[in-house]
Amino acid sequence: MTTENYLWLGVMKNKTFSGNSYAASEVIGAIILVLIAVGAFAAIYYQVFPVPLPSPDSHIKLMGYIDDDRNVVIEHVGGEPLISYKIFSERENGQTNMSVYENSP
């Protein structure tokens, strides 16, 4: 065992050091190994099971107008073909209407 004197805030103190000073480095080494293992498993997890992307939206171009008989016409003028779709409409008096269309490709 070794005793050393050192100055702490103007007061001389005696400190005894034991011969076994390896414990601190062992703890720090173990913490670093755990951090490396967690980081490696996280990287492997995100490579094997990637974060799911949101489903792609349909890209279509619609054109709407009112014909001479006062009918509302919605026309598909470009983009992906529509197989099934719903149309929600609301009148000025608050009445709502829903139409469902299903086409066979």
PDB file of N, CA and C in Angstrom:
ATOM      1  N   MET A   1       0.825  -1.168   0.000  1.00  0.00           N
ATOM      2  CA  MET A   1       0.000   0.000   0.000  1.00  0.00           C
ATOM      3  C   MET A   1       0.876   1.240   0.000  1.00  0.00           C
ATOM      4  N   THR A   2       0.424   2.236  -0.742  1.00  0.00           N
ATOM      5  CA  THR A   2       1.197   3.454  -0.870  1.00  0.00           C
ATOM      6  C   THR A   2       0.377   4.619  -0.330  1.00  0.00           C
ATOM      7  N   THR A   3       1.012   5.485   0.426  1.00  0.00           N
ATOM      8  CA  THR A   3       0.349   6.680   0.952  1.00  0.00           C
ATOM      9  C   THR A   3       0.977   7.887   0.280  1.00  0.00           C
ATOM     10  N   GLU A   4       0.111   8.779  -0.213  1.00  0.00           N
ATOM     11  CA  GLU A   4       0.598   9.995  -0.846  1.00  0.00           C
ATOM     12  C   GLU A   4      -0.039  11.188  -0.178  1.00  0.00           C
ATOM     13  N   ASN A   5       0.679  12.288  -0.156  1.00  0.00           N
ATOM     14  CA  ASN A   5       0.159  13.558   0.351  1.00  0.00           C
ATOM     15  C   ASN A   5      -0.198  14.432  -0.840  1.00  0.00           C
ATOM     16  N   TYR A   6      -1.328  15.115  -0.730  1.00  0.00           N
ATOM     17  CA  TYR A   6      -1.695  16.049  -1.794  1.00  0.00           C
ATOM     18  C   TYR A   6      -2.446  17.213  -1.168  1.00  0.00           C
ATOM     19  N   LEU A   7      -2.513  18.316  -1.904  1.00  0.00           N
ATOM     20  CA  LEU A   7      -3.117  19.551  -1.425  1.00  0.00           C
ATOM     21  C   LEU A   7      -4.527  19.651  -1.988  1.00  0.00           C
ATOM     22  N   TRP A   8      -5.483  19.747  -1.095  1.00  0.00           N
ATOM     23  CA  TRP A   8      -6.875  19.861  -1.511  1.00  0.00           C
ATOM     24  C   TRP A   8      -7.463  21.096  -0.857  1.00  0.00           C
ATOM     25  N   LEU A   9      -7.748  22.125  -1.645  1.00  0.00           N
ATOM     26  CA  LEU A   9      -8.311  23.394  -1.175  1.00  0.00           C
ATOM     27  C   LEU A   9      -7.529  23.961   0.016  1.00  0.00           C
ATOM     28  N   GLY A  10      -6.224  23.953  -0.125  1.00  0.00           N
ATOM     29  CA  GLY A  10      -5.363  24.549   0.885  1.00  0.00           C
ATOM     30  C   GLY A  10      -5.100  23.672   2.092  1.00  0.00           C
ATOM     31  N   VAL A  11      -5.646  22.441   2.100  1.00  0.00           N
ATOM     32  CA  VAL A  11      -5.438  21.538   3.230  1.00  0.00           C
ATOM     33  C   VAL A  11      -4.672  20.329   2.742  1.00  0.00           C
ATOM     34  N   MET A  12      -3.644  19.959   3.464  1.00  0.00           N
ATOM     35  CA  MET A  12      -2.859  18.799   3.109  1.00  0.00           C
ATOM     36  C   MET A  12      -3.607  17.540   3.537  1.00  0.00           C
ATOM     37  N   LYS A  13      -3.789  16.581   2.611  1.00  0.00           N
ATOM     38  CA  LYS A  13      -4.516  15.358   2.916  1.00  0.00           C
ATOM     39  C   LYS A  13      -3.630  14.159   2.615  1.00  0.00           C
ATOM     40  N   ASN A  14      -3.885  13.084   3.331  1.00  0.00           N
ATOM     41  CA  ASN A  14      -3.204  11.820   3.079  1.00  0.00           C
ATOM     42  C   ASN A  14      -4.169  10.893   2.354  1.00  0.00           C
ATOM     43  N   LYS A  15      -3.715  10.267   1.303  1.00  0.00           N
ATOM     44  CA  LYS A  15      -4.544   9.355   0.521  1.00  0.00           C
ATOM     45  C   LYS A  15      -3.805   8.043   0.409  1.00  0.00           C
ATOM     46  N   THR A  16      -4.494   6.960   0.712  1.00  0.00           N
ATOM     47  CA  THR A  16      -3.900   5.637   0.625  1.00  0.00           C
ATOM     48  C   THR A  16      -4.413   4.951  -0.625  1.00  0.00           C
ATOM     49  N   PHE A  17      -3.519   4.498  -1.467  1.00  0.00           N
ATOM     50  CA  PHE A  17      -3.863   3.778  -2.690  1.00  0.00           C
ATOM     51  C   PHE A  17      -3.571   2.305  -2.492  1.00  0.00           C
ATOM     52  N   SER A  18      -4.466   1.475  -2.913  1.00  0.00           N
ATOM     53  CA  SER A  18      -4.203   0.046  -2.830  1.00  0.00           C
ATOM     54  C   SER A  18      -3.419  -0.384  -4.063  1.00  0.00           C
ATOM     55  N   GLY A  19      -2.867  -1.552  -4.025  1.00  0.00           N
ATOM     56  CA  GLY A  19      -2.090  -2.060  -5.142  1.00  0.00           C
ATOM     57  C   GLY A  19      -2.949  -2.471  -6.328  1.00  0.00           C
ATOM     58  N   ASN A  20      -4.275  -2.653  -6.143  1.00  0.00           N
ATOM     59  CA  ASN A  20      -5.173  -3.095  -7.215  1.00  0.00           C
ATOM     60  C   ASN A  20      -5.892  -1.884  -7.802  1.00  0.00           C
ATOM     61  N   SER A  21      -5.370  -1.327  -8.866  1.00  0.00           N
ATOM     62  CA  SER A  21      -6.008  -0.179  -9.510  1.00  0.00           C
ATOM     63  C   SER A  21      -6.584  -0.563 -10.875  1.00  0.00           C
ATOM     64  N   TYR A  22      -6.819  -1.853 -11.103  1.00  0.00           N
ATOM     65  CA  TYR A  22      -7.329  -2.311 -12.390  1.00  0.00           C
ATOM     66  C   TYR A  22      -8.857  -2.263 -12.476  1.00  0.00           C
ATOM     67  N   ALA A  23      -9.552  -2.082 -11.378  1.00  0.00           N
ATOM     68  CA  ALA A  23     -11.018  -2.156 -11.376  1.00  0.00           C
ATOM     69  C   ALA A  23     -11.645  -1.071 -12.246  1.00  0.00           C
ATOM     70  N   ALA A  24     -11.124   0.137 -12.219  1.00  0.00           N
ATOM     71  CA  ALA A  24     -11.713   1.227 -13.000  1.00  0.00           C
ATOM     72  C   ALA A  24     -11.588   0.955 -14.491  1.00  0.00           C
ATOM     73  N   SER A  25     -10.447   0.482 -14.922  1.00  0.00           N
ATOM     74  CA  SER A  25     -10.277   0.218 -16.350  1.00  0.00           C
ATOM     75  C   SER A  25     -11.127  -0.978 -16.793  1.00  0.00           C
ATOM     76  N   GLU A  26     -11.338  -1.952 -15.913  1.00  0.00           N
ATOM     77  CA  GLU A  26     -12.185  -3.098 -16.240  1.00  0.00           C
ATOM     78  C   GLU A  26     -13.636  -2.661 -16.432  1.00  0.00           C
ATOM     79  N   VAL A  27     -14.124  -1.781 -15.567  1.00  0.00           N
ATOM     80  CA  VAL A  27     -15.504  -1.294 -15.668  1.00  0.00           C
ATOM     81  C   VAL A  27     -15.679  -0.478 -16.943  1.00  0.00           C
ATOM     82  N   ILE A  28     -14.742   0.407 -17.227  1.00  0.00           N
ATOM     83  CA  ILE A  28     -14.834   1.219 -18.450  1.00  0.00           C
ATOM     84  C   ILE A  28     -14.759   0.332 -19.680  1.00  0.00           C
ATOM     85  N   GLY A  29     -13.909  -0.661 -19.669  1.00  0.00           N
ATOM     86  CA  GLY A  29     -13.823  -1.596 -20.793  1.00  0.00           C
ATOM     87  C   GLY A  29     -15.107  -2.376 -20.989  1.00  0.00           C
ATOM     88  N   ALA A  30     -15.737  -2.806 -19.900  1.00  0.00           N
ATOM     89  CA  ALA A  30     -17.002  -3.544 -20.001  1.00  0.00           C
ATOM     90  C   ALA A  30     -18.103  -2.657 -20.556  1.00  0.00           C
ATOM     91  N   ILE A  31     -18.152  -1.407 -20.128  1.00  0.00           N
ATOM     92  CA  ILE A  31     -19.169  -0.474 -20.645  1.00  0.00           C
ATOM     93  C   ILE A  31     -18.968  -0.243 -22.134  1.00  0.00           C
ATOM     94  N   ILE A  32     -17.735  -0.071 -22.558  1.00  0.00           N
ATOM     95  CA  ILE A  32     -17.460   0.138 -23.985  1.00  0.00           C
ATOM     96  C   ILE A  32     -17.845  -1.090 -24.795  1.00  0.00           C
ATOM     97  N   LEU A  33     -17.555  -2.290 -24.293  1.00  0.00           N
ATOM     98  CA  LEU A  33     -17.941  -3.514 -25.000  1.00  0.00           C
ATOM     99  C   LEU A  33     -19.460  -3.645 -25.126  1.00  0.00           C
ATOM    100  N   VAL A  34     -20.184  -3.297 -24.078  1.00  0.00           N
ATOM    101  CA  VAL A  34     -21.652  -3.348 -24.142  1.00  0.00           C
ATOM    102  C   VAL A  34     -22.167  -2.347 -25.166  1.00  0.00           C
ATOM    103  N   LEU A  35     -21.602  -1.141 -25.188  1.00  0.00           N
ATOM    104  CA  LEU A  35     -22.028  -0.134 -26.175  1.00  0.00           C
ATOM    105  C   LEU A  35     -21.744  -0.591 -27.602  1.00  0.00           C
ATOM    106  N   ILE A  36     -20.617  -1.211 -27.827  1.00  0.00           N
ATOM    107  CA  ILE A  36     -20.289  -1.724 -29.164  1.00  0.00           C
ATOM    108  C   ILE A  36     -21.273  -2.813 -29.557  1.00  0.00           C
ATOM    109  N   ALA A  37     -21.594  -3.722 -28.624  1.00  0.00           N
ATOM    110  CA  ALA A  37     -22.538  -4.812 -28.926  1.00  0.00           C
ATOM    111  C   ALA A  37     -23.925  -4.266 -29.243  1.00  0.00           C
ATOM    112  N   VAL A  38     -24.407  -3.312 -28.462  1.00  0.00           N
ATOM    113  CA  VAL A  38     -25.732  -2.731 -28.713  1.00  0.00           C
ATOM    114  C   VAL A  38     -25.744  -2.008 -30.055  1.00  0.00           C
ATOM    115  N   GLY A  39     -24.704  -1.261 -30.368  1.00  0.00           N
ATOM    116  CA  GLY A  39     -24.623  -0.571 -31.652  1.00  0.00           C
ATOM    117  C   GLY A  39     -24.585  -1.531 -32.827  1.00  0.00           C
ATOM    118  N   ALA A  40     -23.842  -2.627 -32.677  1.00  0.00           N
ATOM    119  CA  ALA A  40     -23.761  -3.617 -33.759  1.00  0.00           C
ATOM    120  C   ALA A  40     -25.105  -4.298 -33.974  1.00  0.00           C
ATOM    121  N   PHE A  41     -25.784  -4.699 -32.901  1.00  0.00           N
ATOM    122  CA  PHE A  41     -27.087  -5.332 -33.053  1.00  0.00           C
ATOM    123  C   PHE A  41     -28.119  -4.359 -33.619  1.00  0.00           C
ATOM    124  N   ALA A  42     -28.054  -3.088 -33.251  1.00  0.00           N
ATOM    125  CA  ALA A  42     -28.983  -2.093 -33.811  1.00  0.00           C
ATOM    126  C   ALA A  42     -28.749  -1.922 -35.307  1.00  0.00           C
ATOM    127  N   ALA A  43     -27.486  -1.868 -35.722  1.00  0.00           N
ATOM    128  CA  ALA A  43     -27.182  -1.724 -37.153  1.00  0.00           C
ATOM    129  C   ALA A  43     -27.649  -2.948 -37.934  1.00  0.00           C
ATOM    130  N   ILE A  44     -27.424  -4.138 -37.399  1.00  0.00           N
ATOM    131  CA  ILE A  44     -27.881  -5.363 -38.078  1.00  0.00           C
ATOM    132  C   ILE A  44     -29.407  -5.397 -38.134  1.00  0.00           C
ATOM    133  N   TYR A  45     -30.081  -5.013 -37.052  1.00  0.00           N
ATOM    134  CA  TYR A  45     -31.543  -5.021 -37.022  1.00  0.00           C
ATOM    135  C   TYR A  45     -32.115  -4.114 -38.104  1.00  0.00           C
ATOM    136  N   TYR A  46     -31.579  -2.893 -38.237  1.00  0.00           N
ATOM    137  CA  TYR A  46     -32.109  -1.959 -39.227  1.00  0.00           C
ATOM    138  C   TYR A  46     -31.735  -2.341 -40.653  1.00  0.00           C
ATOM    139  N   GLN A  47     -30.720  -3.168 -40.834  1.00  0.00           N
ATOM    140  CA  GLN A  47     -30.417  -3.677 -42.168  1.00  0.00           C
ATOM    141  C   GLN A  47     -31.338  -4.831 -42.541  1.00  0.00           C
ATOM    142  N   VAL A  48     -31.640  -5.707 -41.587  1.00  0.00           N
ATOM    143  CA  VAL A  48     -32.487  -6.869 -41.854  1.00  0.00           C
ATOM    144  C   VAL A  48     -33.961  -6.484 -41.845  1.00  0.00           C
ATOM    145  N   PHE A  49     -34.381  -5.660 -40.895  1.00  0.00           N
ATOM    146  CA  PHE A  49     -35.773  -5.220 -40.761  1.00  0.00           C
ATOM    147  C   PHE A  49     -35.827  -3.708 -40.936  1.00  0.00           C
ATOM    148  N   PRO A  50     -35.813  -3.202 -42.170  1.00  0.00           N
ATOM    149  CA  PRO A  50     -35.812  -1.747 -42.351  1.00  0.00           C
ATOM    150  C   PRO A  50     -37.135  -1.138 -41.885  1.00  0.00           C
ATOM    151  N   VAL A  51     -37.088   0.140 -41.615  1.00  0.00           N
ATOM    152  CA  VAL A  51     -38.270   0.872 -41.187  1.00  0.00           C
ATOM    153  C   VAL A  51     -39.262   0.873 -42.351  1.00  0.00           C
ATOM    154  N   PRO A  52     -40.522   0.475 -42.115  1.00  0.00           N
ATOM    155  CA  PRO A  52     -41.469   0.418 -43.224  1.00  0.00           C
ATOM    156  C   PRO A  52     -41.771   1.809 -43.782  1.00  0.00           C
ATOM    157  N   LEU A  53     -41.782   1.897 -45.083  1.00  0.00           N
ATOM    158  CA  LEU A  53     -42.084   3.155 -45.750  1.00  0.00           C
ATOM    159  C   LEU A  53     -43.593   3.293 -45.895  1.00  0.00           C
ATOM    160  N   PRO A  54     -44.090   4.521 -45.939  1.00  0.00           N
ATOM    161  CA  PRO A  54     -45.528   4.680 -46.138  1.00  0.00           C
ATOM    162  C   PRO A  54     -45.934   4.192 -47.526  1.00  0.00           C
ATOM    163  N   SER A  55     -47.158   3.709 -47.619  1.00  0.00           N
ATOM    164  CA  SER A  55     -47.623   3.198 -48.908  1.00  0.00           C
ATOM    165  C   SER A  55     -47.709   4.347 -49.907  1.00  0.00           C
ATOM    166  N   PRO A  56     -47.350   4.086 -51.146  1.00  0.00           N
ATOM    167  CA  PRO A  56     -47.368   5.162 -52.141  1.00  0.00           C
ATOM    168  C   PRO A  56     -48.804   5.566 -52.480  1.00  0.00           C
ATOM    169  N   ASP A  57     -48.986   6.836 -52.695  1.00  0.00           N
ATOM    170  CA  ASP A  57     -50.294   7.353 -53.088  1.00  0.00           C
ATOM    171  C   ASP A  57     -50.487   7.167 -54.584  1.00  0.00           C
ATOM    172  N   SER A  58     -51.730   7.102 -54.989  1.00  0.00           N
ATOM    173  CA  SER A  58     -52.030   7.034 -56.417  1.00  0.00           C
ATOM    174  C   SER A  58     -51.810   8.413 -57.030  1.00  0.00           C
ATOM    175  N   HIS A  59     -51.219   8.421 -58.205  1.00  0.00           N
ATOM    176  CA  HIS A  59     -50.985   9.672 -58.914  1.00  0.00           C
ATOM    177  C   HIS A  59     -51.915   9.706 -60.114  1.00  0.00           C
ATOM    178  N   ILE A  60     -52.954  10.488 -59.969  1.00  0.00           N
ATOM    179  CA  ILE A  60     -53.939  10.598 -61.048  1.00  0.00           C
ATOM    180  C   ILE A  60     -54.225  12.062 -61.304  1.00  0.00           C
ATOM    181  N   LYS A  61     -54.788  12.321 -62.453  1.00  0.00           N
ATOM    182  CA  LYS A  61     -55.189  13.677 -62.804  1.00  0.00           C
ATOM    183  C   LYS A  61     -56.667  13.630 -63.163  1.00  0.00           C
ATOM    184  N   LEU A  62     -57.460  14.389 -62.433  1.00  0.00           N
ATOM    185  CA  LEU A  62     -58.894  14.449 -62.658  1.00  0.00           C
ATOM    186  C   LEU A  62     -59.282  15.849 -63.113  1.00  0.00           C
ATOM    187  N   MET A  63     -60.317  15.903 -63.934  1.00  0.00           N
ATOM    188  CA  MET A  63     -60.847  17.192 -64.367  1.00  0.00           C
ATOM    189  C   MET A  63     -62.350  17.164 -64.097  1.00  0.00           C
ATOM    190  N   GLY A  64     -62.850  18.177 -63.438  1.00  0.00           N
ATOM    191  CA  GLY A  64     -64.268  18.236 -63.127  1.00  0.00           C
ATOM    192  C   GLY A  64     -64.913  19.449 -63.771  1.00  0.00           C
ATOM    193  N   TYR A  65     -66.141  19.268 -64.218  1.00  0.00           N
ATOM    194  CA  TYR A  65     -66.897  20.375 -64.798  1.00  0.00           C
ATOM    195  C   TYR A  65     -68.385  20.068 -64.702  1.00  0.00           C
ATOM    196  N   ILE A  66     -69.211  21.049 -65.001  1.00  0.00           N
ATOM    197  CA  ILE A  66     -70.666  20.895 -65.025  1.00  0.00           C
ATOM    198  C   ILE A  66     -71.103  21.024 -66.475  1.00  0.00           C
ATOM    199  N   ASP A  67     -71.849  20.015 -66.967  1.00  0.00           N
ATOM    200  CA  ASP A  67     -72.279  20.043 -68.368  1.00  0.00           C
ATOM    201  C   ASP A  67     -73.544  20.899 -68.523  1.00  0.00           C
ATOM    202  N   ASP A  68     -74.080  20.925 -69.745  1.00  0.00           N
ATOM    203  CA  ASP A  68     -75.239  21.770 -70.047  1.00  0.00           C
ATOM    204  C   ASP A  68     -76.498  21.337 -69.302  1.00  0.00           C
ATOM    205  N   ASP A  69     -76.610  20.063 -68.931  1.00  0.00           N
ATOM    206  CA  ASP A  69     -77.776  19.574 -68.198  1.00  0.00           C
ATOM    207  C   ASP A  69     -77.604  19.700 -66.688  1.00  0.00           C
ATOM    208  N   ARG A  70     -76.621  20.465 -66.239  1.00  0.00           N
ATOM    209  CA  ARG A  70     -76.315  20.735 -64.832  1.00  0.00           C
ATOM    210  C   ARG A  70     -75.897  19.472 -64.080  1.00  0.00           C
ATOM    211  N   ASN A  71     -75.230  18.557 -64.772  1.00  0.00           N
ATOM    212  CA  ASN A  71     -74.656  17.367 -64.146  1.00  0.00           C
ATOM    213  C   ASN A  71     -73.179  17.620 -63.854  1.00  0.00           C
ATOM    214  N   VAL A  72     -72.735  17.151 -62.704  1.00  0.00           N
ATOM    215  CA  VAL A  72     -71.321  17.261 -62.352  1.00  0.00           C
ATOM    216  C   VAL A  72     -70.601  16.091 -63.001  1.00  0.00           C
ATOM    217  N   VAL A  73     -69.548  16.390 -63.763  1.00  0.00           N
ATOM    218  CA  VAL A  73     -68.778  15.371 -64.460  1.00  0.00           C
ATOM    219  C   VAL A  73     -67.346  15.421 -63.945  1.00  0.00           C
ATOM    220  N   ILE A  74     -66.838  14.273 -63.482  1.00  0.00           N
ATOM    221  CA  ILE A  74     -65.437  14.149 -63.071  1.00  0.00           C
ATOM    222  C   ILE A  74     -64.797  13.168 -64.030  1.00  0.00           C
ATOM    223  N   GLU A  75     -63.786  13.650 -64.762  1.00  0.00           N
ATOM    224  CA  GLU A  75     -63.180  12.860 -65.821  1.00  0.00           C
ATOM    225  C   GLU A  75     -61.732  12.522 -65.485  1.00  0.00           C
ATOM    226  N   HIS A  76     -61.354  11.263 -65.708  1.00  0.00           N
ATOM    227  CA  HIS A  76     -59.971  10.815 -65.506  1.00  0.00           C
ATOM    228  C   HIS A  76     -59.206  11.164 -66.775  1.00  0.00           C
ATOM    229  N   VAL A  77     -58.244  12.088 -66.651  1.00  0.00           N
ATOM    230  CA  VAL A  77     -57.530  12.563 -67.840  1.00  0.00           C
ATOM    231  C   VAL A  77     -56.052  12.172 -67.835  1.00  0.00           C
ATOM    232  N   GLY A  78     -55.579  11.417 -66.848  1.00  0.00           N
ATOM    233  CA  GLY A  78     -54.177  11.002 -66.860  1.00  0.00           C
ATOM    234  C   GLY A  78     -53.771  10.355 -65.559  1.00  0.00           C
ATOM    235  N   GLY A  79     -52.653   9.686 -65.612  1.00  0.00           N
ATOM    236  CA  GLY A  79     -52.115   9.035 -64.422  1.00  0.00           C
ATOM    237  C   GLY A  79     -52.442   7.553 -64.401  1.00  0.00           C
ATOM    238  N   GLU A  80     -52.374   6.976 -63.229  1.00  0.00           N
ATOM    239  CA  GLU A  80     -52.608   5.547 -63.055  1.00  0.00           C
ATOM    240  C   GLU A  80     -54.086   5.216 -63.266  1.00  0.00           C
ATOM    241  N   PRO A  81     -54.365   4.036 -63.827  1.00  0.00           N
ATOM    242  CA  PRO A  81     -55.772   3.653 -63.989  1.00  0.00           C
ATOM    243  C   PRO A  81     -56.417   3.382 -62.625  1.00  0.00           C
ATOM    244  N   LEU A  82     -57.674   3.734 -62.507  1.00  0.00           N
ATOM    245  CA  LEU A  82     -58.412   3.530 -61.263  1.00  0.00           C
ATOM    246  C   LEU A  82     -59.205   2.238 -61.354  1.00  0.00           C
ATOM    247  N   ILE A  83     -59.008   1.347 -60.380  1.00  0.00           N
ATOM    248  CA  ILE A  83     -59.737   0.080 -60.353  1.00  0.00           C
ATOM    249  C   ILE A  83     -60.983   0.225 -59.488  1.00  0.00           C
ATOM    250  N   SER A  84     -60.840   0.805 -58.320  1.00  0.00           N
ATOM    251  CA  SER A  84     -61.996   1.085 -57.473  1.00  0.00           C
ATOM    252  C   SER A  84     -61.750   2.405 -56.763  1.00  0.00           C
ATOM    253  N   TYR A  85     -62.815   3.144 -56.545  1.00  0.00           N
ATOM    254  CA  TYR A  85     -62.673   4.444 -55.900  1.00  0.00           C
ATOM    255  C   TYR A  85     -64.009   4.877 -55.324  1.00  0.00           C
ATOM    256  N   LYS A  86     -63.946   5.850 -54.421  1.00  0.00           N
ATOM    257  CA  LYS A  86     -65.134   6.430 -53.795  1.00  0.00           C
ATOM    258  C   LYS A  86     -65.141   7.917 -54.072  1.00  0.00           C
ATOM    259  N   ILE A  87     -66.324   8.454 -54.297  1.00  0.00           N
ATOM    260  CA  ILE A  87     -66.492   9.891 -54.490  1.00  0.00           C
ATOM    261  C   ILE A  87     -67.447  10.390 -53.416  1.00  0.00           C
ATOM    262  N   PHE A  88     -67.001  11.363 -52.637  1.00  0.00           N
ATOM    263  CA  PHE A  88     -67.840  11.996 -51.627  1.00  0.00           C
ATOM    264  C   PHE A  88     -68.217  13.378 -52.153  1.00  0.00           C
ATOM    265  N   SER A  89     -69.489  13.708 -52.105  1.00  0.00           N
ATOM    266  CA  SER A  89     -69.930  15.034 -52.533  1.00  0.00           C
ATOM    267  C   SER A  89     -70.834  15.622 -51.465  1.00  0.00           C
ATOM    268  N   GLU A  90     -70.816  16.938 -51.378  1.00  0.00           N
ATOM    269  CA  GLU A  90     -71.645  17.639 -50.397  1.00  0.00           C
ATOM    270  C   GLU A  90     -72.300  18.828 -51.088  1.00  0.00           C
ATOM    271  N   ARG A  91     -73.587  18.974 -50.864  1.00  0.00           N
ATOM    272  CA  ARG A  91     -74.339  20.086 -51.461  1.00  0.00           C
ATOM    273  C   ARG A  91     -74.328  21.277 -50.513  1.00  0.00           C
ATOM    274  N   GLU A  92     -74.806  22.400 -51.021  1.00  0.00           N
ATOM    275  CA  GLU A  92     -74.824  23.616 -50.207  1.00  0.00           C
ATOM    276  C   GLU A  92     -75.731  23.474 -48.996  1.00  0.00           C
ATOM    277  N   ASN A  93     -76.787  22.688 -49.096  1.00  0.00           N
ATOM    278  CA  ASN A  93     -77.712  22.529 -47.970  1.00  0.00           C
ATOM    279  C   ASN A  93     -77.187  21.534 -46.928  1.00  0.00           C
ATOM    280  N   GLY A  94     -75.991  20.977 -47.105  1.00  0.00           N
ATOM    281  CA  GLY A  94     -75.393  20.072 -46.143  1.00  0.00           C
ATOM    282  C   GLY A  94     -75.609  18.605 -46.442  1.00  0.00           C
ATOM    283  N   GLN A  95     -76.380  18.300 -47.463  1.00  0.00           N
ATOM    284  CA  GLN A  95     -76.631  16.907 -47.831  1.00  0.00           C
ATOM    285  C   GLN A  95     -75.361  16.307 -48.431  1.00  0.00           C
ATOM    286  N   THR A  96     -74.976  15.119 -47.927  1.00  0.00           N
ATOM    287  CA  THR A  96     -73.774  14.456 -48.441  1.00  0.00           C
ATOM    288  C   THR A  96     -74.163  13.226 -49.239  1.00  0.00           C
ATOM    289  N   ASN A  97     -73.302  12.865 -50.158  1.00  0.00           N
ATOM    290  CA  ASN A  97     -73.549  11.736 -51.030  1.00  0.00           C
ATOM    291  C   ASN A  97     -72.227  11.000 -51.238  1.00  0.00           C
ATOM    292  N   MET A  98     -72.286   9.662 -51.268  1.00  0.00           N
ATOM    293  CA  MET A  98     -71.091   8.870 -51.521  1.00  0.00           C
ATOM    294  C   MET A  98     -71.405   7.863 -52.617  1.00  0.00           C
ATOM    295  N   SER A  99     -70.512   7.799 -53.598  1.00  0.00           N
ATOM    296  CA  SER A  99     -70.649   6.831 -54.687  1.00  0.00           C
ATOM    297  C   SER A  99     -69.402   5.967 -54.710  1.00  0.00           C
ATOM    298  N   VAL A 100     -69.612   4.646 -54.828  1.00  0.00           N
ATOM    299  CA  VAL A 100     -68.503   3.683 -54.883  1.00  0.00           C
ATOM    300  C   VAL A 100     -68.506   3.037 -56.242  1.00  0.00           C
ATOM    301  N   TYR A 101     -67.334   3.029 -56.888  1.00  0.00           N
ATOM    302  CA  TYR A 101     -67.203   2.432 -58.223  1.00  0.00           C
ATOM    303  C   TYR A 101     -66.128   1.362 -58.160  1.00  0.00           C
ATOM    304  N   GLU A 102     -66.434   0.199 -58.738  1.00  0.00           N
ATOM    305  CA  GLU A 102     -65.461  -0.895 -58.829  1.00  0.00           C
ATOM    306  C   GLU A 102     -65.452  -1.399 -60.257  1.00  0.00           C
ATOM    307  N   ASN A 103     -64.273  -1.314 -60.869  1.00  0.00           N
ATOM    308  CA  ASN A 103     -64.098  -1.769 -62.262  1.00  0.00           C
ATOM    309  C   ASN A 103     -63.223  -3.002 -62.283  1.00  0.00           C
ATOM    310  N   SER A 104     -63.444  -3.865 -63.251  1.00  0.00           N
ATOM    311  CA  SER A 104     -62.572  -5.009 -63.442  1.00  0.00           C
ATOM    312  C   SER A 104     -61.525  -4.654 -64.470  1.00  0.00           C
ATOM    313  N   PRO A 105     -60.258  -4.893 -64.189  1.00  0.00           N
ATOM    314  CA  PRO A 105     -59.209  -4.519 -65.162  1.00  0.00           C
ATOM    315  C   PRO A 105     -59.241  -5.397 -66.393  1.00  0.00           C
TER     316      PRO A 105
END
